[in-house]
Amino acid sequence: MYLLIDIGNSRDKAALADKGKIIPFPQLSAEAAHALPIQAVYYCSVAGPERAIQLRQKLALEHIPWRQVHSEHQAFGVTSSYQ
């Protein structure tokens, strides 16, 4: 099971990836995260790197790998406005 996090400027959104399914995970807390067999965290962020560090500490998930995912500037005919 993997925890997927979109770290935004105003709020964070999360989901779980398990056995090919994506499951919403609205309760992003250390207690909720520790109740699950999370193997790794994959995240994207438009906020600065310090937000990922803060969230990692808040969730107390330093013992599992965190991997940042970067989007393509342009893919499938869509262009991102983020720099």
Protein backbone atom coordinates (compact mmCIF):
# COMPACT_ATOMS: atom_id res chain seq x y z
CA MET A 1 0.00 0.00 0.00
CA TYR A 2 1.27 3.45 -0.94
CA LEU A 3 0.30 6.86 0.37
CA LEU A 4 -0.09 9.47 -2.39
CA ILE A 5 0.02 13.12 -1.36
CA ASP A 6 -0.53 16.34 -3.30
CA ILE A 7 1.07 19.08 -1.20
CA GLY A 8 -0.58 22.36 -2.12
CA ASN A 9 -0.09 25.94 -1.01
CA SER A 10 -3.37 26.05 0.90
CA ARG A 11 -4.14 22.39 1.64
CA ASP A 12 -2.90 18.84 1.19
CA LYS A 13 -4.83 16.06 -0.52
CA ALA A 14 -4.17 12.35 -0.11
CA ALA A 15 -5.14 8.95 -1.43
CA LEU A 16 -4.00 5.36 -1.03
CA ALA A 17 -2.86 3.10 -3.86
CA ASP A 18 -3.50 -0.54 -3.06
CA LYS A 19 -3.68 -3.53 -5.39
CA GLY A 20 -4.30 -1.36 -8.45
CA LYS A 21 -7.02 0.75 -6.82
CA ILE A 22 -6.94 4.40 -5.74
CA ILE A 23 -8.80 5.04 -2.48
CA PRO A 24 -9.45 8.57 -1.16
CA PHE A 25 -7.71 9.23 2.16
CA PRO A 26 -9.31 12.40 3.56
CA GLN A 27 -8.05 11.93 7.14
CA LEU A 28 -4.37 12.78 6.70
CA SER A 29 -3.05 12.33 10.24
CA ALA A 30 -0.29 10.37 11.96
CA GLU A 31 -2.85 8.18 13.74
CA ALA A 32 -4.65 7.29 10.51
CA ALA A 33 -1.40 6.71 8.60
CA HIS A 34 0.06 4.43 11.28
CA ALA A 35 -3.05 2.25 11.26
CA LEU A 36 -2.25 1.18 7.68
CA PRO A 37 0.56 -0.93 6.15
CA ILE A 38 2.06 1.95 4.14
CA GLN A 39 5.23 0.90 2.29
CA ALA A 40 6.20 4.27 0.78
CA VAL A 41 4.94 7.79 0.21
CA TYR A 42 4.81 9.35 -3.25
CA TYR A 43 4.17 13.08 -3.30
CA CYS A 44 4.05 16.08 -5.57
CA SER A 45 4.31 19.63 -4.34
CA VAL A 46 3.78 23.15 -5.61
CA ALA A 47 4.87 24.41 -2.18
CA GLY A 48 8.51 24.64 -1.16
CA PRO A 49 10.55 21.65 0.03
CA GLU A 50 10.09 22.67 3.66
CA ARG A 51 6.38 21.77 3.43
CA ALA A 52 7.26 18.15 2.58
CA ILE A 53 9.65 18.02 5.54
CA GLN A 54 6.99 19.43 7.86
CA LEU A 55 4.39 16.95 6.64
CA ARG A 56 6.81 14.03 6.97
CA GLN A 57 7.44 14.99 10.60
CA LYS A 58 3.75 15.67 11.32
CA LEU A 59 2.77 12.22 10.01
CA ALA A 60 5.73 10.59 11.81
CA LEU A 61 6.54 8.53 8.72
CA GLU A 62 10.29 9.10 8.63
CA HIS A 63 10.90 5.32 8.72
CA ILE A 64 9.53 4.70 5.20
CA PRO A 65 10.75 6.06 1.84
CA TRP A 66 9.38 9.34 0.52
CA ARG A 67 9.69 9.91 -3.22
CA GLN A 68 8.86 13.17 -4.95
CA VAL A 69 7.07 12.91 -8.29
CA HIS A 70 7.55 15.65 -10.87
CA SER A 71 5.08 16.40 -13.62
CA GLU A 72 5.92 16.97 -17.23
CA HIS A 73 5.64 20.55 -18.49
CA GLN A 74 3.65 19.26 -21.45
CA ALA A 75 2.04 15.87 -22.02
CA PHE A 76 -0.94 14.52 -23.99
CA GLY A 77 -1.66 17.95 -25.47
CA VAL A 78 -1.91 19.64 -22.04
CA THR A 79 0.56 22.32 -20.91
CA SER A 80 1.12 23.01 -17.21
CA SER A 81 1.20 26.61 -16.01
CA TYR A 82 3.36 25.74 -13.01
CA GLN A 83 7.02 26.60 -13.39
